[in-house]
Amino acid sequence: MTRLLQLAGLVQVLIAAANVPAKRILAFDADLVKLTPIVRQVHRVQHAYIVAILLFFAGLCLFRPQETAADALLCGFLSLFWGSRILVQRLYYDPEVKRRHRAADVFFTLCFVYLAAVFGASAIGGLR
């Protein structure tokens, strides 16, 4: 069952890596330049921290899958984290942008469903 968590690690790496083309596709810099310097700086720092956290979670799954599976609290948190991300993807993001980038929308939704399910199963002991 550790393979499911290792796959979850790879999925999280893909999500983190998607920030590189997303910056160009969604024209972050064109919008960020309109902000005050401090708001732009806060956005960039928070963005970098989020990517780092995703890579940390990915590393746990890739290199410590058994320990990760054994930690019900961590897996429960990650299940809620990714489960809430499904709601953000489906209910909050601009429908027009999701229509223009349909493949990415479906890809991310499927990733979030997989991650929420794997971590949820692990939290209740299904992957030990």
C-alpha atoms as a PDB file:
ATOM      1  CA  MET A   1       0.000   0.000   0.000  1.00  0.00           C
ATOM      2  CA  THR A   2       2.976   2.303   0.306  1.00  0.00           C
ATOM      3  CA  ARG A   3       2.896   2.589  -3.503  1.00  0.00           C
ATOM      4  CA  LEU A   4      -0.354   4.565  -3.247  1.00  0.00           C
ATOM      5  CA  LEU A   5       1.348   7.067  -0.956  1.00  0.00           C
ATOM      6  CA  GLN A   6       4.404   7.232  -3.188  1.00  0.00           C
ATOM      7  CA  LEU A   7       2.102   7.967  -6.113  1.00  0.00           C
ATOM      8  CA  ALA A   8       0.490  10.646  -3.940  1.00  0.00           C
ATOM      9  CA  GLY A   9       3.976  12.086  -3.498  1.00  0.00           C
ATOM     10  CA  LEU A  10       4.480  12.220  -7.262  1.00  0.00           C
ATOM     11  CA  VAL A  11       1.076  13.855  -7.715  1.00  0.00           C
ATOM     12  CA  GLN A  12       2.012  16.524  -5.181  1.00  0.00           C
ATOM     13  CA  VAL A  13       5.298  17.141  -7.020  1.00  0.00           C
ATOM     14  CA  LEU A  14       3.301  17.607 -10.237  1.00  0.00           C
ATOM     15  CA  ILE A  15       0.968  20.059  -8.517  1.00  0.00           C
ATOM     16  CA  ALA A  16       3.916  22.026  -7.140  1.00  0.00           C
ATOM     17  CA  ALA A  17       5.660  21.980 -10.535  1.00  0.00           C
ATOM     18  CA  ALA A  18       2.483  23.210 -12.250  1.00  0.00           C
ATOM     19  CA  ASN A  19       3.135  26.581 -10.649  1.00  0.00           C
ATOM     20  CA  VAL A  20       5.889  27.222 -13.200  1.00  0.00           C
ATOM     21  CA  PRO A  21       3.712  27.173 -16.349  1.00  0.00           C
ATOM     22  CA  ALA A  22       0.735  28.588 -14.411  1.00  0.00           C
ATOM     23  CA  LYS A  23       2.707  31.766 -13.778  1.00  0.00           C
ATOM     24  CA  ARG A  24       2.983  32.283 -17.550  1.00  0.00           C
ATOM     25  CA  ILE A  25      -0.424  30.943 -18.576  1.00  0.00           C
ATOM     26  CA  LEU A  26      -2.324  32.999 -16.011  1.00  0.00           C
ATOM     27  CA  ALA A  27      -0.049  36.053 -16.488  1.00  0.00           C
ATOM     28  CA  PHE A  28       0.774  36.457 -12.788  1.00  0.00           C
ATOM     29  CA  ASP A  29       3.447  39.091 -13.402  1.00  0.00           C
ATOM     30  CA  ALA A  30       1.136  41.332 -15.443  1.00  0.00           C
ATOM     31  CA  ASP A  31      -1.327  41.430 -12.554  1.00  0.00           C
ATOM     32  CA  LEU A  32       1.251  41.540  -9.765  1.00  0.00           C
ATOM     33  CA  VAL A  33       2.879  44.655 -11.201  1.00  0.00           C
ATOM     34  CA  LYS A  34      -0.388  46.531 -10.501  1.00  0.00           C
ATOM     35  CA  LEU A  35      -0.089  45.834  -6.771  1.00  0.00           C
ATOM     36  CA  THR A  36       1.844  47.784  -4.190  1.00  0.00           C
ATOM     37  CA  PRO A  37       5.372  46.453  -3.643  1.00  0.00           C
ATOM     38  CA  ILE A  38       4.552  44.972  -0.222  1.00  0.00           C
ATOM     39  CA  VAL A  39       1.422  43.159  -1.450  1.00  0.00           C
ATOM     40  CA  ARG A  40       3.400  41.821  -4.423  1.00  0.00           C
ATOM     41  CA  GLN A  41       6.180  40.686  -2.076  1.00  0.00           C
ATOM     42  CA  VAL A  42       3.737  39.025   0.329  1.00  0.00           C
ATOM     43  CA  HIS A  43       2.102  37.181  -2.582  1.00  0.00           C
ATOM     44  CA  ARG A  44       5.447  35.916  -3.876  1.00  0.00           C
ATOM     45  CA  VAL A  45       6.627  34.806  -0.425  1.00  0.00           C
ATOM     46  CA  GLN A  46       3.348  33.037   0.386  1.00  0.00           C
ATOM     47  CA  HIS A  47       3.384  31.384  -3.035  1.00  0.00           C
ATOM     48  CA  ALA A  48       6.935  30.118  -2.473  1.00  0.00           C
ATOM     49  CA  TYR A  49       6.064  28.833   1.009  1.00  0.00           C
ATOM     50  CA  ILE A  50       3.034  26.953  -0.314  1.00  0.00           C
ATOM     51  CA  VAL A  51       5.142  25.289  -3.019  1.00  0.00           C
ATOM     52  CA  ALA A  52       7.766  24.381  -0.394  1.00  0.00           C
ATOM     53  CA  ILE A  53       5.108  22.847   1.864  1.00  0.00           C
ATOM     54  CA  LEU A  54       3.712  20.814  -1.041  1.00  0.00           C
ATOM     55  CA  LEU A  55       7.203  19.542  -1.816  1.00  0.00           C
ATOM     56  CA  PHE A  56       7.723  18.666   1.857  1.00  0.00           C
ATOM     57  CA  PHE A  57       4.484  16.638   1.902  1.00  0.00           C
ATOM     58  CA  ALA A  58       5.552  15.015  -1.375  1.00  0.00           C
ATOM     59  CA  GLY A  59       8.901  14.105   0.157  1.00  0.00           C
ATOM     60  CA  LEU A  60       7.228  12.461   3.142  1.00  0.00           C
ATOM     61  CA  CYS A  61       5.135  10.331   0.810  1.00  0.00           C
ATOM     62  CA  LEU A  62       7.996   9.448  -1.525  1.00  0.00           C
ATOM     63  CA  PHE A  63      10.705   8.730   1.021  1.00  0.00           C
ATOM     64  CA  ARG A  64       8.789   7.871   4.219  1.00  0.00           C
ATOM     65  CA  PRO A  65       5.548   6.276   2.988  1.00  0.00           C
ATOM     66  CA  GLN A  66       5.222   3.780   5.851  1.00  0.00           C
ATOM     67  CA  GLU A  67       5.766   6.444   8.497  1.00  0.00           C
ATOM     68  CA  THR A  68       3.347   8.760   6.719  1.00  0.00           C
ATOM     69  CA  ALA A  69       0.698   6.025   6.516  1.00  0.00           C
ATOM     70  CA  ALA A  70       1.115   5.325  10.233  1.00  0.00           C
ATOM     71  CA  ASP A  71       0.425   8.953  11.195  1.00  0.00           C
ATOM     72  CA  ALA A  72      -3.371   9.186  11.259  1.00  0.00           C
ATOM     73  CA  LEU A  73      -3.364  12.838  12.312  1.00  0.00           C
ATOM     74  CA  LEU A  74      -1.113  13.886   9.421  1.00  0.00           C
ATOM     75  CA  CYS A  75      -3.091  11.824   6.910  1.00  0.00           C
ATOM     76  CA  GLY A  76      -6.376  13.177   8.260  1.00  0.00           C
ATOM     77  CA  PHE A  77      -5.080  16.718   7.860  1.00  0.00           C
ATOM     78  CA  LEU A  78      -3.867  16.023   4.323  1.00  0.00           C
ATOM     79  CA  SER A  79      -7.202  14.458   3.415  1.00  0.00           C
ATOM     80  CA  LEU A  80      -9.022  17.577   4.626  1.00  0.00           C
ATOM     81  CA  PHE A  81      -6.433  19.819   2.948  1.00  0.00           C
ATOM     82  CA  TRP A  82      -6.850  18.171  -0.453  1.00  0.00           C
ATOM     83  CA  GLY A  83     -10.580  17.589   0.007  1.00  0.00           C
ATOM     84  CA  SER A  84     -11.114  21.294   0.603  1.00  0.00           C
ATOM     85  CA  ARG A  85      -9.021  21.981  -2.486  1.00  0.00           C
ATOM     86  CA  ILE A  86     -11.625  20.064  -4.520  1.00  0.00           C
ATOM     87  CA  LEU A  87     -14.235  22.557  -3.310  1.00  0.00           C
ATOM     88  CA  VAL A  88     -12.034  25.506  -4.215  1.00  0.00           C
ATOM     89  CA  GLN A  89     -11.450  24.077  -7.688  1.00  0.00           C
ATOM     90  CA  ARG A  90     -15.112  23.310  -8.331  1.00  0.00           C
ATOM     91  CA  LEU A  91     -16.889  26.201  -6.578  1.00  0.00           C
ATOM     92  CA  TYR A  92     -14.545  29.169  -6.230  1.00  0.00           C
ATOM     93  CA  TYR A  93     -12.325  29.536  -9.284  1.00  0.00           C
ATOM     94  CA  ASP A  94     -13.535  31.560 -12.270  1.00  0.00           C
ATOM     95  CA  PRO A  95     -15.691  29.292 -14.482  1.00  0.00           C
ATOM     96  CA  GLU A  96     -14.511  31.054 -17.644  1.00  0.00           C
ATOM     97  CA  VAL A  97     -10.847  30.347 -16.863  1.00  0.00           C
ATOM     98  CA  LYS A  98     -11.735  26.718 -16.103  1.00  0.00           C
ATOM     99  CA  ARG A  99     -13.557  26.478 -19.462  1.00  0.00           C
ATOM    100  CA  ARG A 100     -10.547  27.910 -21.339  1.00  0.00           C
ATOM    101  CA  HIS A 101      -8.209  25.480 -19.582  1.00  0.00           C
ATOM    102  CA  ARG A 102     -10.531  22.475 -19.347  1.00  0.00           C
ATOM    103  CA  ALA A 103      -7.812  19.817 -19.435  1.00  0.00           C
ATOM    104  CA  ALA A 104      -5.964  21.466 -16.542  1.00  0.00           C
ATOM    105  CA  ASP A 105      -9.213  21.842 -14.589  1.00  0.00           C
ATOM    106  CA  VAL A 106     -10.023  18.138 -14.973  1.00  0.00           C
ATOM    107  CA  PHE A 107      -6.412  17.120 -14.243  1.00  0.00           C
ATOM    108  CA  PHE A 108      -6.257  19.120 -11.007  1.00  0.00           C
ATOM    109  CA  THR A 109      -9.693  17.972  -9.870  1.00  0.00           C
ATOM    110  CA  LEU A 110      -8.714  14.324 -10.385  1.00  0.00           C
ATOM    111  CA  CYS A 111      -5.423  14.905  -8.542  1.00  0.00           C
ATOM    112  CA  PHE A 112      -7.229  16.440  -5.570  1.00  0.00           C
ATOM    113  CA  VAL A 113      -9.785  13.608  -5.464  1.00  0.00           C
ATOM    114  CA  TYR A 114      -6.988  11.019  -5.537  1.00  0.00           C
ATOM    115  CA  LEU A 115      -5.031  12.764  -2.791  1.00  0.00           C
ATOM    116  CA  ALA A 116      -8.070  13.264  -0.546  1.00  0.00           C
ATOM    117  CA  ALA A 117      -9.063   9.610  -0.984  1.00  0.00           C
ATOM    118  CA  VAL A 118      -5.585   8.134  -0.396  1.00  0.00           C
ATOM    119  CA  PHE A 119      -4.916  10.262   2.671  1.00  0.00           C
ATOM    120  CA  GLY A 120      -8.445   9.635   3.966  1.00  0.00           C
ATOM    121  CA  ALA A 121      -8.005   5.880   3.598  1.00  0.00           C
ATOM    122  CA  SER A 122      -4.658   6.091   5.336  1.00  0.00           C
ATOM    123  CA  ALA A 123      -6.091   8.189   8.172  1.00  0.00           C
ATOM    124  CA  ILE A 124      -8.627   5.489   9.007  1.00  0.00           C
ATOM    125  CA  GLY A 125      -6.014   2.749   8.801  1.00  0.00           C
ATOM    126  CA  GLY A 126      -6.741   1.460   5.325  1.00  0.00           C
ATOM    127  CA  LEU A 127      -3.162   1.763   4.059  1.00  0.00           C
ATOM    128  CA  ARG A 128      -1.279   0.249   7.000  1.00  0.00           C
END
